Amino acid sequence: MAKMVDGMFTQQTPEALREQIRTRMFSTPQQVLASAMEGMMALATEWQDRPRRFEAPALAVMARRAGRAGYQDYLRGIFPNLAGYEEWDGAGHFLMMEQPERFNAVLAGFLEAR
C-alpha cells in the first residue's frame, strides 16, 4: 500500500503533506482499507461492462496524466451535464490538498453557477 500511496504524489508534493496523508491513510483499520479497495475495483469493472449516466451537474478536476486523450468525452457520456473539466500540471492525486486555493476557487465557481 505504501508504494501505491507514494505513486499518488508528485515531485511538488511537500514532504510534510506526504507524511500527513500517509499517517491518516495507514491508520485506517485493515478491514476498511480492504473493503474500500474491493469496492473501487468492483466499480471500475462494473462501469467498463455497462457505463451509467448521471444527469446531475458534474465537475472533473484531476492531475494531468499521459494517455487521457478522449477522457473528457468519456466522462461526458456518463455525466451529460459535465459543467467543467480541468487537468492540472504538477498535481497529484491529492490536488485539493496540494493546491487548495486553486481547487477551492474552481469548486466555488462551479457551485456558484448552480
PDB file of N, CA and C in Angstrom:
ATOM      1  N   MET A   1       0.827  -1.188   0.000  1.00  0.00           N
ATOM      2  CA  MET A   1       0.000   0.000   0.000  1.00  0.00           C
ATOM      3  C   MET A   1       0.874   1.256   0.000  1.00  0.00           C
ATOM      4  N   ALA A   2       1.984   1.197   0.701  1.00  0.00           N
ATOM      5  CA  ALA A   2       2.856   2.370   0.758  1.00  0.00           C
ATOM      6  C   ALA A   2       3.321   2.758  -0.641  1.00  0.00           C
ATOM      7  N   LYS A   3       3.638   1.781  -1.454  1.00  0.00           N
ATOM      8  CA  LYS A   3       4.083   2.054  -2.819  1.00  0.00           C
ATOM      9  C   LYS A   3       2.963   2.695  -3.635  1.00  0.00           C
ATOM     10  N   MET A   4       1.745   2.206  -3.456  1.00  0.00           N
ATOM     11  CA  MET A   4       0.604   2.769  -4.177  1.00  0.00           C
ATOM     12  C   MET A   4       0.379   4.233  -3.762  1.00  0.00           C
ATOM     13  N   VAL A   5       0.414   4.498  -2.466  1.00  0.00           N
ATOM     14  CA  VAL A   5       0.195   5.859  -1.976  1.00  0.00           C
ATOM     15  C   VAL A   5       1.303   6.779  -2.465  1.00  0.00           C
ATOM     16  N   ASP A   6       2.549   6.332  -2.382  1.00  0.00           N
ATOM     17  CA  ASP A   6       3.660   7.167  -2.845  1.00  0.00           C
ATOM     18  C   ASP A   6       3.541   7.484  -4.330  1.00  0.00           C
ATOM     19  N   GLY A   7       2.941   6.598  -5.104  1.00  0.00           N
ATOM     20  CA  GLY A   7       2.727   6.839  -6.528  1.00  0.00           C
ATOM     21  C   GLY A   7       1.692   7.920  -6.806  1.00  0.00           C
ATOM     22  N   MET A   8       0.954   8.330  -5.798  1.00  0.00           N
ATOM     23  CA  MET A   8      -0.062   9.370  -5.952  1.00  0.00           C
ATOM     24  C   MET A   8       0.501  10.776  -5.760  1.00  0.00           C
ATOM     25  N   PHE A   9       1.753  10.856  -5.331  1.00  0.00           N
ATOM     26  CA  PHE A   9       2.392  12.148  -5.114  1.00  0.00           C
ATOM     27  C   PHE A   9       3.189  12.558  -6.351  1.00  0.00           C
ATOM     28  N   THR A  10       3.490  13.840  -6.441  1.00  0.00           N
ATOM     29  CA  THR A  10       4.393  14.343  -7.474  1.00  0.00           C
ATOM     30  C   THR A  10       5.625  14.925  -6.786  1.00  0.00           C
ATOM     31  N   GLN A  11       6.583  15.345  -7.578  1.00  0.00           N
ATOM     32  CA  GLN A  11       7.770  15.973  -7.007  1.00  0.00           C
ATOM     33  C   GLN A  11       7.405  17.241  -6.248  1.00  0.00           C
ATOM     34  N   GLN A  12       6.289  17.867  -6.631  1.00  0.00           N
ATOM     35  CA  GLN A  12       5.878  19.119  -5.993  1.00  0.00           C
ATOM     36  C   GLN A  12       5.153  18.905  -4.667  1.00  0.00           C
ATOM     37  N   THR A  13       4.762  17.674  -4.346  1.00  0.00           N
ATOM     38  CA  THR A  13       4.045  17.422  -3.095  1.00  0.00           C
ATOM     39  C   THR A  13       5.010  17.595  -1.920  1.00  0.00           C
ATOM     40  N   PRO A  14       4.763  18.563  -1.038  1.00  0.00           N
ATOM     41  CA  PRO A  14       5.667  18.777   0.102  1.00  0.00           C
ATOM     42  C   PRO A  14       5.742  17.542   1.000  1.00  0.00           C
ATOM     43  N   GLU A  15       6.919  17.291   1.547  1.00  0.00           N
ATOM     44  CA  GLU A  15       7.125  16.118   2.398  1.00  0.00           C
ATOM     45  C   GLU A  15       6.195  16.124   3.601  1.00  0.00           C
ATOM     46  N   ALA A  16       5.935  17.282   4.180  1.00  0.00           N
ATOM     47  CA  ALA A  16       5.038  17.351   5.343  1.00  0.00           C
ATOM     48  C   ALA A  16       3.628  16.898   4.966  1.00  0.00           C
ATOM     49  N   LEU A  17       3.173  17.277   3.781  1.00  0.00           N
ATOM     50  CA  LEU A  17       1.845  16.855   3.325  1.00  0.00           C
ATOM     51  C   LEU A  17       1.842  15.364   3.024  1.00  0.00           C
ATOM     52  N   ARG A  18       2.918  14.859   2.422  1.00  0.00           N
ATOM     53  CA  ARG A  18       3.023  13.412   2.176  1.00  0.00           C
ATOM     54  C   ARG A  18       2.893  12.634   3.485  1.00  0.00           C
ATOM     55  N   GLU A  19       3.604  13.092   4.495  1.00  0.00           N
ATOM     56  CA  GLU A  19       3.586  12.396   5.778  1.00  0.00           C
ATOM     57  C   GLU A  19       2.203  12.479   6.430  1.00  0.00           C
ATOM     58  N   GLN A  20       1.547  13.619   6.325  1.00  0.00           N
ATOM     59  CA  GLN A  20       0.198  13.767   6.876  1.00  0.00           C
ATOM     60  C   GLN A  20      -0.762  12.788   6.194  1.00  0.00           C
ATOM     61  N   ILE A  21      -0.687  12.688   4.892  1.00  0.00           N
ATOM     62  CA  ILE A  21      -1.568  11.791   4.146  1.00  0.00           C
ATOM     63  C   ILE A  21      -1.258  10.341   4.480  1.00  0.00           C
ATOM     64  N   ARG A  22       0.024   9.978   4.480  1.00  0.00           N
ATOM     65  CA  ARG A  22       0.412   8.599   4.820  1.00  0.00           C
ATOM     66  C   ARG A  22      -0.089   8.220   6.216  1.00  0.00           C
ATOM     67  N   THR A  23       0.112   9.109   7.186  1.00  0.00           N
ATOM     68  CA  THR A  23      -0.302   8.831   8.567  1.00  0.00           C
ATOM     69  C   THR A  23      -1.801   8.565   8.638  1.00  0.00           C
ATOM     70  N   ARG A  24      -2.574   9.397   7.986  1.00  0.00           N
ATOM     71  CA  ARG A  24      -4.034   9.213   8.031  1.00  0.00           C
ATOM     72  C   ARG A  24      -4.468   7.952   7.294  1.00  0.00           C
ATOM     73  N   MET A  25      -3.887   7.720   6.138  1.00  0.00           N
ATOM     74  CA  MET A  25      -4.292   6.541   5.370  1.00  0.00           C
ATOM     75  C   MET A  25      -3.883   5.251   6.073  1.00  0.00           C
ATOM     76  N   PHE A  26      -2.661   5.215   6.610  1.00  0.00           N
ATOM     77  CA  PHE A  26      -2.168   3.993   7.230  1.00  0.00           C
ATOM     78  C   PHE A  26      -2.768   3.740   8.609  1.00  0.00           C
ATOM     79  N   SER A  27      -3.485   4.714   9.175  1.00  0.00           N
ATOM     80  CA  SER A  27      -4.148   4.490  10.454  1.00  0.00           C
ATOM     81  C   SER A  27      -5.559   3.926  10.262  1.00  0.00           C
ATOM     82  N   THR A  28      -5.976   3.802   9.012  1.00  0.00           N
ATOM     83  CA  THR A  28      -7.286   3.220   8.713  1.00  0.00           C
ATOM     84  C   THR A  28      -7.242   1.723   9.037  1.00  0.00           C
ATOM     85  N   PRO A  29      -8.267   1.196   9.716  1.00  0.00           N
ATOM     86  CA  PRO A  29      -8.285  -0.234  10.022  1.00  0.00           C
ATOM     87  C   PRO A  29      -8.176  -1.081   8.735  1.00  0.00           C
ATOM     88  N   GLN A  30      -7.450  -2.182   8.835  1.00  0.00           N
ATOM     89  CA  GLN A  30      -7.163  -3.012   7.668  1.00  0.00           C
ATOM     90  C   GLN A  30      -8.437  -3.460   6.948  1.00  0.00           C
ATOM     91  N   GLN A  31      -9.476  -3.833   7.695  1.00  0.00           N
ATOM     92  CA  GLN A  31     -10.693  -4.309   7.037  1.00  0.00           C
ATOM     93  C   GLN A  31     -11.365  -3.187   6.246  1.00  0.00           C
ATOM     94  N   VAL A  32     -11.229  -1.949   6.694  1.00  0.00           N
ATOM     95  CA  VAL A  32     -11.802  -0.815   5.975  1.00  0.00           C
ATOM     96  C   VAL A  32     -11.016  -0.571   4.689  1.00  0.00           C
ATOM     97  N   LEU A  33      -9.687  -0.631   4.770  1.00  0.00           N
ATOM     98  CA  LEU A  33      -8.863  -0.480   3.569  1.00  0.00           C
ATOM     99  C   LEU A  33      -9.185  -1.553   2.539  1.00  0.00           C
ATOM    100  N   ALA A  34      -9.271  -2.788   2.997  1.00  0.00           N
ATOM    101  CA  ALA A  34      -9.559  -3.899   2.087  1.00  0.00           C
ATOM    102  C   ALA A  34     -10.923  -3.724   1.434  1.00  0.00           C
ATOM    103  N   SER A  35     -11.911  -3.337   2.199  1.00  0.00           N
ATOM    104  CA  SER A  35     -13.254  -3.132   1.668  1.00  0.00           C
ATOM    105  C   SER A  35     -13.278  -1.987   0.656  1.00  0.00           C
ATOM    106  N   ALA A  36     -12.575  -0.906   0.959  1.00  0.00           N
ATOM    107  CA  ALA A  36     -12.526   0.232   0.039  1.00  0.00           C
ATOM    108  C   ALA A  36     -11.874  -0.167  -1.283  1.00  0.00           C
ATOM    109  N   MET A  37     -10.772  -0.902  -1.217  1.00  0.00           N
ATOM    110  CA  MET A  37     -10.087  -1.342  -2.437  1.00  0.00           C
ATOM    111  C   MET A  37     -10.975  -2.282  -3.249  1.00  0.00           C
ATOM    112  N   GLU A  38     -11.636  -3.208  -2.588  1.00  0.00           N
ATOM    113  CA  GLU A  38     -12.540  -4.121  -3.284  1.00  0.00           C
ATOM    114  C   GLU A  38     -13.660  -3.353  -3.967  1.00  0.00           C
ATOM    115  N   GLY A  39     -14.207  -2.377  -3.270  1.00  0.00           N
ATOM    116  CA  GLY A  39     -15.292  -1.578  -3.837  1.00  0.00           C
ATOM    117  C   GLY A  39     -14.848  -0.785  -5.056  1.00  0.00           C
ATOM    118  N   MET A  40     -13.655  -0.193  -4.993  1.00  0.00           N
ATOM    119  CA  MET A  40     -13.163   0.575  -6.138  1.00  0.00           C
ATOM    120  C   MET A  40     -12.908  -0.326  -7.349  1.00  0.00           C
ATOM    121  N   MET A  41     -12.348  -1.490  -7.106  1.00  0.00           N
ATOM    122  CA  MET A  41     -12.073  -2.411  -8.217  1.00  0.00           C
ATOM    123  C   MET A  41     -13.379  -2.930  -8.820  1.00  0.00           C
ATOM    124  N   ALA A  42     -14.350  -3.222  -7.990  1.00  0.00           N
ATOM    125  CA  ALA A  42     -15.646  -3.699  -8.483  1.00  0.00           C
ATOM    126  C   ALA A  42     -16.333  -2.611  -9.289  1.00  0.00           C
ATOM    127  N   LEU A  43     -16.280  -1.382  -8.818  1.00  0.00           N
ATOM    128  CA  LEU A  43     -16.900  -0.274  -9.523  1.00  0.00           C
ATOM    129  C   LEU A  43     -16.240  -0.061 -10.875  1.00  0.00           C
ATOM    130  N   ALA A  44     -14.913  -0.121 -10.918  1.00  0.00           N
ATOM    131  CA  ALA A  44     -14.202   0.069 -12.189  1.00  0.00           C
ATOM    132  C   ALA A  44     -14.610  -0.996 -13.188  1.00  0.00           C
ATOM    133  N   THR A  45     -14.708  -2.240 -12.754  1.00  0.00           N
ATOM    134  CA  THR A  45     -15.111  -3.331 -13.640  1.00  0.00           C
ATOM    135  C   THR A  45     -16.561  -3.174 -14.070  1.00  0.00           C
ATOM    136  N   GLU A  46     -17.427  -2.828 -13.135  1.00  0.00           N
ATOM    137  CA  GLU A  46     -18.848  -2.655 -13.441  1.00  0.00           C
ATOM    138  C   GLU A  46     -19.054  -1.547 -14.470  1.00  0.00           C
ATOM    139  N   TRP A  47     -18.355  -0.428 -14.329  1.00  0.00           N
ATOM    140  CA  TRP A  47     -18.530   0.689 -15.247  1.00  0.00           C
ATOM    141  C   TRP A  47     -17.999   0.348 -16.631  1.00  0.00           C
ATOM    142  N   GLN A  48     -16.956  -0.481 -16.704  1.00  0.00           N
ATOM    143  CA  GLN A  48     -16.448  -0.892 -18.005  1.00  0.00           C
ATOM    144  C   GLN A  48     -17.475  -1.762 -18.713  1.00  0.00           C
ATOM    145  N   ASP A  49     -18.151  -2.624 -17.965  1.00  0.00           N
ATOM    146  CA  ASP A  49     -19.135  -3.533 -18.546  1.00  0.00           C
ATOM    147  C   ASP A  49     -20.402  -2.808 -18.977  1.00  0.00           C
ATOM    148  N   ARG A  50     -20.860  -1.860 -18.193  1.00  0.00           N
ATOM    149  CA  ARG A  50     -22.096  -1.126 -18.513  1.00  0.00           C
ATOM    150  C   ARG A  50     -22.061   0.267 -17.885  1.00  0.00           C
ATOM    151  N   PRO A  51     -21.504   1.211 -18.613  1.00  0.00           N
ATOM    152  CA  PRO A  51     -21.448   2.577 -18.079  1.00  0.00           C
ATOM    153  C   PRO A  51     -22.834   3.101 -17.726  1.00  0.00           C
ATOM    154  N   ARG A  52     -22.895   3.884 -16.691  1.00  0.00           N
ATOM    155  CA  ARG A  52     -24.143   4.500 -16.249  1.00  0.00           C
ATOM    156  C   ARG A  52     -24.159   5.956 -16.666  1.00  0.00           C
ATOM    157  N   ARG A  53     -25.328   6.576 -16.534  1.00  0.00           N
ATOM    158  CA  ARG A  53     -25.471   8.004 -16.824  1.00  0.00           C
ATOM    159  C   ARG A  53     -26.029   8.686 -15.589  1.00  0.00           C
ATOM    160  N   PHE A  54     -25.455   9.843 -15.297  1.00  0.00           N
ATOM    161  CA  PHE A  54     -25.890  10.645 -14.178  1.00  0.00           C
ATOM    162  C   PHE A  54     -26.210  12.032 -14.708  1.00  0.00           C
ATOM    163  N   GLU A  55     -27.421  12.508 -14.457  1.00  0.00           N
ATOM    164  CA  GLU A  55     -27.887  13.774 -15.019  1.00  0.00           C
ATOM    165  C   GLU A  55     -27.506  14.997 -14.194  1.00  0.00           C
ATOM    166  N   ALA A  56     -27.043  14.802 -12.974  1.00  0.00           N
ATOM    167  CA  ALA A  56     -26.682  15.936 -12.115  1.00  0.00           C
ATOM    168  C   ALA A  56     -25.487  16.685 -12.712  1.00  0.00           C
ATOM    169  N   PRO A  57     -25.412  17.988 -12.493  1.00  0.00           N
ATOM    170  CA  PRO A  57     -24.222  18.721 -12.942  1.00  0.00           C
ATOM    171  C   PRO A  57     -22.966  18.124 -12.312  1.00  0.00           C
ATOM    172  N   ALA A  58     -21.896  18.086 -13.069  1.00  0.00           N
ATOM    173  CA  ALA A  58     -20.659  17.470 -12.585  1.00  0.00           C
ATOM    174  C   ALA A  58     -19.460  18.342 -12.935  1.00  0.00           C
ATOM    175  N   LEU A  59     -18.422  18.177 -12.146  1.00  0.00           N
ATOM    176  CA  LEU A  59     -17.164  18.878 -12.344  1.00  0.00           C
ATOM    177  C   LEU A  59     -16.053  17.847 -12.214  1.00  0.00           C
ATOM    178  N   ALA A  60     -15.130  17.813 -13.152  1.00  0.00           N
ATOM    179  CA  ALA A  60     -13.988  16.901 -13.100  1.00  0.00           C
ATOM    180  C   ALA A  60     -12.715  17.732 -12.994  1.00  0.00           C
ATOM    181  N   VAL A  61     -11.979  17.531 -11.920  1.00  0.00           N
ATOM    182  CA  VAL A  61     -10.702  18.214 -11.704  1.00  0.00           C
ATOM    183  C   VAL A  61      -9.700  17.133 -11.334  1.00  0.00           C
ATOM    184  N   MET A  62      -8.621  17.018 -12.109  1.00  0.00           N
ATOM    185  CA  MET A  62      -7.672  15.931 -11.881  1.00  0.00           C
ATOM    186  C   MET A  62      -6.268  16.322 -12.315  1.00  0.00           C
ATOM    187  N   ALA A  63      -5.331  15.535 -11.880  1.00  0.00           N
ATOM    188  CA  ALA A  63      -3.948  15.722 -12.308  1.00  0.00           C
ATOM    189  C   ALA A  63      -3.820  15.311 -13.767  1.00  0.00           C
ATOM    190  N   ARG A  64      -3.007  16.050 -14.511  1.00  0.00           N
ATOM    191  CA  ARG A  64      -2.771  15.704 -15.910  1.00  0.00           C
ATOM    192  C   ARG A  64      -1.926  14.429 -15.961  1.00  0.00           C
ATOM    193  N   ARG A  65      -2.369  13.499 -16.778  1.00  0.00           N
ATOM    194  CA  ARG A  65      -1.657  12.237 -16.983  1.00  0.00           C
ATOM    195  C   ARG A  65      -1.631  11.928 -18.469  1.00  0.00           C
ATOM    196  N   ALA A  66      -0.566  11.315 -18.908  1.00  0.00           N
ATOM    197  CA  ALA A  66      -0.462  10.891 -20.305  1.00  0.00           C
ATOM    198  C   ALA A  66      -1.511   9.807 -20.587  1.00  0.00           C
ATOM    199  N   GLY A  67      -1.950   9.737 -21.801  1.00  0.00           N
ATOM    200  CA  GLY A  67      -2.884   8.687 -22.190  1.00  0.00           C
ATOM    201  C   GLY A  67      -4.336   8.972 -21.880  1.00  0.00           C
ATOM    202  N   ARG A  68      -4.685  10.215 -21.672  1.00  0.00           N
ATOM    203  CA  ARG A  68      -6.077  10.549 -21.363  1.00  0.00           C
ATOM    204  C   ARG A  68      -6.799  11.164 -22.546  1.00  0.00           C
ATOM    205  N   ALA A  69      -6.295  11.015 -23.722  1.00  0.00           N
ATOM    206  CA  ALA A  69      -6.992  11.561 -24.888  1.00  0.00           C
ATOM    207  C   ALA A  69      -8.395  10.976 -24.939  1.00  0.00           C
ATOM    208  N   GLY A  70      -9.371  11.811 -25.097  1.00  0.00           N
ATOM    209  CA  GLY A  70     -10.754  11.360 -25.170  1.00  0.00           C
ATOM    210  C   GLY A  70     -11.426  11.139 -23.826  1.00  0.00           C
ATOM    211  N   TYR A  71     -10.722  11.368 -22.731  1.00  0.00           N
ATOM    212  CA  TYR A  71     -11.308  11.109 -21.415  1.00  0.00           C
ATOM    213  C   TYR A  71     -12.458  12.052 -21.106  1.00  0.00           C
ATOM    214  N   GLN A  72     -12.336  13.296 -21.514  1.00  0.00           N
ATOM    215  CA  GLN A  72     -13.428  14.244 -21.282  1.00  0.00           C
ATOM    216  C   GLN A  72     -14.689  13.780 -22.006  1.00  0.00           C
ATOM    217  N   ASP A  73     -14.561  13.297 -23.222  1.00  0.00           N
ATOM    218  CA  ASP A  73     -15.721  12.782 -23.959  1.00  0.00           C
ATOM    219  C   ASP A  73     -16.303  11.553 -23.268  1.00  0.00           C
ATOM    220  N   TYR A  74     -15.425  10.694 -22.746  1.00  0.00           N
ATOM    221  CA  TYR A  74     -15.875   9.523 -21.996  1.00  0.00           C
ATOM    222  C   TYR A  74     -16.708   9.956 -20.784  1.00  0.00           C
ATOM    223  N   LEU A  75     -16.188  10.931 -20.022  1.00  0.00           N
ATOM    224  CA  LEU A  75     -16.928  11.421 -18.854  1.00  0.00           C
ATOM    225  C   LEU A  75     -18.250  12.060 -19.257  1.00  0.00           C
ATOM    226  N   ARG A  76     -18.237  12.794 -20.357  1.00  0.00           N
ATOM    227  CA  ARG A  76     -19.465  13.440 -20.818  1.00  0.00           C
ATOM    228  C   ARG A  76     -20.533  12.393 -21.171  1.00  0.00           C
ATOM    229  N   GLY A  77     -20.121  11.224 -21.599  1.00  0.00           N
ATOM    230  CA  GLY A  77     -21.074  10.144 -21.843  1.00  0.00           C
ATOM    231  C   GLY A  77     -21.740   9.651 -20.572  1.00  0.00           C
ATOM    232  N   ILE A  78     -21.032   9.732 -19.458  1.00  0.00           N
ATOM    233  CA  ILE A  78     -21.568   9.313 -18.158  1.00  0.00           C
ATOM    234  C   ILE A  78     -22.276  10.473 -17.472  1.00  0.00           C
ATOM    235  N   PHE A  79     -21.678  11.663 -17.606  1.00  0.00           N
ATOM    236  CA  PHE A  79     -22.205  12.881 -16.986  1.00  0.00           C
ATOM    237  C   PHE A  79     -22.536  13.879 -18.099  1.00  0.00           C
ATOM    238  N   PRO A  80     -23.719  13.770 -18.714  1.00  0.00           N
ATOM    239  CA  PRO A  80     -24.038  14.657 -19.837  1.00  0.00           C
ATOM    240  C   PRO A  80     -24.048  16.137 -19.463  1.00  0.00           C
ATOM    241  N   ASN A  81     -24.177  16.442 -18.184  1.00  0.00           N
ATOM    242  CA  ASN A  81     -24.145  17.832 -17.724  1.00  0.00           C
ATOM    243  C   ASN A  81     -22.793  18.167 -17.094  1.00  0.00           C
ATOM    244  N   LEU A  82     -21.732  17.669 -17.714  1.00  0.00           N
ATOM    245  CA  LEU A  82     -20.379  17.964 -17.245  1.00  0.00           C
ATOM    246  C   LEU A  82     -20.122  19.447 -17.453  1.00  0.00           C
ATOM    247  N   ALA A  83     -20.098  20.186 -16.366  1.00  0.00           N
ATOM    248  CA  ALA A  83     -20.003  21.650 -16.431  1.00  0.00           C
ATOM    249  C   ALA A  83     -18.565  22.141 -16.471  1.00  0.00           C
ATOM    250  N   GLY A  84     -17.626  21.302 -16.100  1.00  0.00           N
ATOM    251  CA  GLY A  84     -16.230  21.705 -16.112  1.00  0.00           C
ATOM    252  C   GLY A  84     -15.320  20.506 -16.133  1.00  0.00           C
ATOM    253  N   TYR A  85     -14.189  20.671 -16.804  1.00  0.00           N
ATOM    254  CA  TYR A  85     -13.192  19.613 -16.896  1.00  0.00           C
ATOM    255  C   TYR A  85     -11.825  20.287 -16.877  1.00  0.00           C
ATOM    256  N   GLU A  86     -11.004  19.935 -15.893  1.00  0.00           N
ATOM    257  CA  GLU A  86      -9.668  20.515 -15.785  1.00  0.00           C
ATOM    258  C   GLU A  86      -8.656  19.433 -15.464  1.00  0.00           C
ATOM    259  N   GLU A  87      -7.533  19.483 -16.159  1.00  0.00           N
ATOM    260  CA  GLU A  87      -6.380  18.641 -15.859  1.00  0.00           C
ATOM    261  C   GLU A  87      -5.240  19.579 -15.477  1.00  0.00           C
ATOM    262  N   TRP A  88      -4.676  19.370 -14.309  1.00  0.00           N
ATOM    263  CA  TRP A  88      -3.650  20.275 -13.797  1.00  0.00           C
ATOM    264  C   TRP A  88      -2.264  19.654 -13.896  1.00  0.00           C
ATOM    265  N   ASP A  89      -1.319  20.441 -14.398  1.00  0.00           N
ATOM    266  CA  ASP A  89       0.084  20.045 -14.373  1.00  0.00           C
ATOM    267  C   ASP A  89       0.611  20.205 -12.958  1.00  0.00           C
ATOM    268  N   GLY A  90       1.556  19.359 -12.587  1.00  0.00           N
ATOM    269  CA  GLY A  90       2.207  19.491 -11.286  1.00  0.00           C
ATOM    270  C   GLY A  90       1.349  19.107 -10.106  1.00  0.00           C
ATOM    271  N   ALA A  91       0.260  18.419 -10.355  1.00  0.00           N
ATOM    272  CA  ALA A  91      -0.632  17.997  -9.269  1.00  0.00           C
ATOM    273  C   ALA A  91      -0.663  16.478  -9.204  1.00  0.00           C
ATOM    274  N   GLY A  92      -0.860  15.973  -8.005  1.00  0.00           N
ATOM    275  CA  GLY A  92      -1.004  14.537  -7.811  1.00  0.00           C
ATOM    276  C   GLY A  92      -2.447  14.191  -7.485  1.00  0.00           C
ATOM    277  N   HIS A  93      -2.626  13.015  -6.956  1.00  0.00           N
ATOM    278  CA  HIS A  93      -3.962  12.525  -6.622  1.00  0.00           C
ATOM    279  C   HIS A  93      -4.650  13.406  -5.581  1.00  0.00           C
ATOM    280  N   PHE A  94      -3.876  14.030  -4.723  1.00  0.00           N
ATOM    281  CA  PHE A  94      -4.426  14.837  -3.636  1.00  0.00           C
ATOM    282  C   PHE A  94      -4.364  16.317  -3.979  1.00  0.00           C
ATOM    283  N   LEU A  95      -4.749  16.672  -5.189  1.00  0.00           N
ATOM    284  CA  LEU A  95      -4.608  18.052  -5.655  1.00  0.00           C
ATOM    285  C   LEU A  95      -5.378  19.039  -4.812  1.00  0.00           C
ATOM    286  N   MET A  96      -6.455  18.598  -4.169  1.00  0.00           N
ATOM    287  CA  MET A  96      -7.218  19.509  -3.314  1.00  0.00           C
ATOM    288  C   MET A  96      -6.440  19.893  -2.065  1.00  0.00           C
ATOM    289  N   MET A  97      -5.452  19.086  -1.712  1.00  0.00           N
ATOM    290  CA  MET A  97      -4.591  19.393  -0.568  1.00  0.00           C
ATOM    291  C   MET A  97      -3.281  20.033  -1.030  1.00  0.00           C
ATOM    292  N   GLU A  98      -2.848  19.696  -2.235  1.00  0.00           N
ATOM    293  CA  GLU A  98      -1.603  20.242  -2.773  1.00  0.00           C
ATOM    294  C   GLU A  98      -1.771  21.684  -3.257  1.00  0.00           C
ATOM    295  N   GLN A  99      -2.928  21.965  -3.831  1.00  0.00           N
ATOM    296  CA  GLN A  99      -3.215  23.295  -4.370  1.00  0.00           C
ATOM    297  C   GLN A  99      -4.599  23.741  -3.892  1.00  0.00           C
ATOM    298  N   PRO A 100      -4.772  23.895  -2.565  1.00  0.00           N
ATOM    299  CA  PRO A 100      -6.109  24.145  -2.021  1.00  0.00           C
ATOM    300  C   PRO A 100      -6.760  25.437  -2.495  1.00  0.00           C
ATOM    301  N   GLU A 101      -6.003  26.503  -2.653  1.00  0.00           N
ATOM    302  CA  GLU A 101      -6.612  27.770  -3.084  1.00  0.00           C
ATOM    303  C   GLU A 101      -7.184  27.632  -4.492  1.00  0.00           C
ATOM    304  N   ARG A 102      -6.401  27.055  -5.367  1.00  0.00           N
ATOM    305  CA  ARG A 102      -6.851  26.863  -6.751  1.00  0.00           C
ATOM    306  C   ARG A 102      -8.061  25.929  -6.801  1.00  0.00           C
ATOM    307  N   PHE A 103      -7.970  24.820  -6.074  1.00  0.00           N
ATOM    308  CA  PHE A 103      -9.078  23.858  -6.056  1.00  0.00           C
ATOM    309  C   PHE A 103     -10.353  24.502  -5.509  1.00  0.00           C
ATOM    310  N   ASN A 104     -10.230  25.217  -4.396  1.00  0.00           N
ATOM    311  CA  ASN A 104     -11.401  25.846  -3.788  1.00  0.00           C
ATOM    312  C   ASN A 104     -12.027  26.881  -4.720  1.00  0.00           C
ATOM    313  N   ALA A 105     -11.199  27.618  -5.447  1.00  0.00           N
ATOM    314  CA  ALA A 105     -11.721  28.615  -6.389  1.00  0.00           C
ATOM    315  C   ALA A 105     -12.509  27.944  -7.523  1.00  0.00           C
ATOM    316  N   VAL A 106     -11.969  26.855  -8.036  1.00  0.00           N
ATOM    317  CA  VAL A 106     -12.669  26.121  -9.116  1.00  0.00           C
ATOM    318  C   VAL A 106     -13.989  25.551  -8.589  1.00  0.00           C
ATOM    319  N   LEU A 107     -13.938  24.935  -7.419  1.00  0.00           N
ATOM    320  CA  LEU A 107     -15.139  24.342  -6.825  1.00  0.00           C
ATOM    321  C   LEU A 107     -16.183  25.420  -6.506  1.00  0.00           C
ATOM    322  N   ALA A 108     -15.745  26.532  -5.939  1.00  0.00           N
ATOM    323  CA  ALA A 108     -16.674  27.619  -5.611  1.00  0.00           C
ATOM    324  C   ALA A 108     -17.331  28.149  -6.874  1.00  0.00           C
ATOM    325  N   GLY A 109     -16.581  28.311  -7.941  1.00  0.00           N
ATOM    326  CA  GLY A 109     -17.148  28.775  -9.212  1.00  0.00           C
ATOM    327  C   GLY A 109     -18.191  27.812  -9.742  1.00  0.00           C
ATOM    328  N   PHE A 110     -17.909  26.526  -9.651  1.00  0.00           N
ATOM    329  CA  PHE A 110     -18.868  25.511 -10.084  1.00  0.00           C
ATOM    330  C   PHE A 110     -20.149  25.593  -9.250  1.00  0.00           C
ATOM    331  N   LEU A 111     -20.002  25.669  -7.935  1.00  0.00           N
ATOM    332  CA  LEU A 111     -21.174  25.706  -7.053  1.00  0.00           C
ATOM    333  C   LEU A 111     -21.974  26.995  -7.205  1.00  0.00           C
ATOM    334  N   GLU A 112     -21.300  28.114  -7.367  1.00  0.00           N
ATOM    335  CA  GLU A 112     -21.992  29.386  -7.526  1.00  0.00           C
ATOM    336  C   GLU A 112     -22.800  29.444  -8.830  1.00  0.00           C
ATOM    337  N   ALA A 113     -22.322  28.733  -9.851  1.00  0.00           N
ATOM    338  CA  ALA A 113     -23.022  28.720 -11.144  1.00  0.00           C
ATOM    339  C   ALA A 113     -24.277  27.861 -11.106  1.00  0.00           C
ATOM    340  N   ARG A 114     -24.439  27.106 -10.060  1.00  0.00           N
ATOM    341  CA  ARG A 114     -25.611  26.228  -9.973  1.00  0.00           C
ATOM    342  C   ARG A 114     -26.702  26.992  -9.316  1.00  0.00           C
TER     343      ARG A 114
END
